[in-house]
Protein backbone atom coordinates (compact mmCIF):
# COMPACT_ATOMS: atom_id res chain seq x y z
CA MET A 1 -17.14 -17.44 -30.98
CA LYS A 2 -17.53 -13.65 -30.85
CA MET A 3 -18.74 -13.85 -27.22
CA ILE A 4 -15.63 -15.81 -26.20
CA SER A 5 -13.38 -13.23 -27.89
CA VAL A 6 -15.14 -10.36 -26.11
CA THR A 7 -14.86 -12.18 -22.77
CA LEU A 8 -11.14 -12.87 -23.25
CA LEU A 9 -10.53 -9.26 -24.25
CA ALA A 10 -12.36 -8.04 -21.14
CA ILE A 11 -10.26 -10.33 -18.92
CA LEU A 12 -7.04 -9.08 -20.49
CA VAL A 13 -8.06 -5.44 -20.06
CA LEU A 14 -8.96 -5.99 -16.41
CA ALA A 15 -5.73 -7.87 -15.76
CA ALA A 16 -3.73 -5.05 -17.31
CA CYS A 17 -5.29 -2.62 -14.82
CA ASN A 18 -4.22 -4.76 -11.81
CA ARG A 19 -7.83 -5.51 -11.05
CA ASN A 20 -9.25 -8.71 -9.68
CA VAL A 21 -10.31 -10.60 -12.82
CA LEU A 22 -13.45 -11.99 -11.20
CA THR A 23 -14.73 -8.88 -9.40
CA GLY A 24 -13.06 -6.03 -11.31
CA SER A 25 -11.91 -4.54 -7.99
CA LYS A 26 -8.63 -2.61 -7.79
CA LEU A 27 -8.40 -3.70 -4.15
CA THR A 28 -6.08 -6.67 -4.59
CA LEU A 29 -3.15 -8.05 -2.61
CA ASP A 30 -0.83 -7.16 -5.49
CA ASN A 31 -1.96 -3.51 -5.45
CA TYR A 32 -1.87 -3.42 -1.65
CA ASN A 33 1.75 -4.58 -1.67
CA LYS A 34 2.64 -1.94 -4.28
CA ILE A 35 1.34 0.97 -2.18
CA LEU A 36 4.47 1.36 -0.08
CA GLY A 37 6.05 -2.04 0.35
CA PRO A 38 8.21 -2.75 3.38
CA PRO A 39 9.47 0.31 5.29
CA THR A 40 13.04 1.56 4.91
CA SER A 41 13.33 1.44 8.69
CA MET A 42 11.13 0.34 11.56
CA GLU A 43 11.47 1.05 15.28
CA THR A 44 9.33 -0.34 18.09
CA LYS A 45 9.34 0.91 21.68
CA ASP A 46 7.40 -0.76 24.47
CA MET A 47 6.34 2.06 26.76
CA LEU A 48 4.76 1.44 30.15
CA ILE A 49 1.17 1.80 28.97
CA PHE A 50 1.42 1.41 25.19
CA LYS A 51 3.55 0.15 22.33
CA LYS A 52 4.83 2.68 19.78
CA THR A 53 6.02 1.60 16.33
CA ILE A 54 7.39 3.92 13.65
CA TRP A 55 7.58 2.92 9.99
CA ARG A 56 9.73 5.25 7.90
CA TYR A 57 9.93 5.19 4.11
CA GLU A 58 12.76 7.10 2.45
CA ASP A 59 13.71 7.76 -1.14
CA GLY A 60 16.58 10.24 -1.25
CA PRO A 61 15.37 13.44 0.40
CA LYS A 62 11.71 12.33 0.32
CA PHE A 63 10.18 10.56 3.29
CA ALA A 64 6.90 9.31 4.68
CA GLN A 65 6.52 8.21 8.29
CA ILE A 66 3.65 6.35 9.95
CA THR A 67 3.46 6.08 13.73
CA PHE A 68 1.40 3.32 15.34
CA LYS A 69 0.24 3.32 18.94
CA ASN A 70 -0.84 -0.13 20.13
CA ASP A 71 -0.89 -1.32 16.49
CA GLU A 72 -3.27 1.45 15.33
CA VAL A 73 -2.26 4.44 13.22
CA ASP A 74 -1.60 7.34 15.57
CA SER A 75 -0.02 9.85 13.19
CA LYS A 76 1.63 10.26 9.82
CA ASP A 77 4.20 12.72 8.51
CA THR A 78 5.81 13.41 5.13
CA ASN A 79 7.65 16.00 3.14
CA LEU A 80 6.01 14.91 -0.12
CA GLY A 81 4.39 17.82 -1.90
CA THR A 82 6.61 20.39 -0.20
CA GLN A 83 9.57 20.12 -2.54
């Protein structure tokens, strides 16, 4: 009975940390979706030789911007940490 209680307690602790209950990993779809969520705005331009997509996240004066070139991260910009 004590082993079952310890196991249930461990599962509850891991679940509270948003970890995968079976592996204990913090790399879960739930945590992934919490990182930034959907962008505030998104713009895609098809250039002659590549596709450029910009994801912009805004929260008041704060922003983070990720630029993709042919669906791979090309650059990122932010004003976080400067205010």
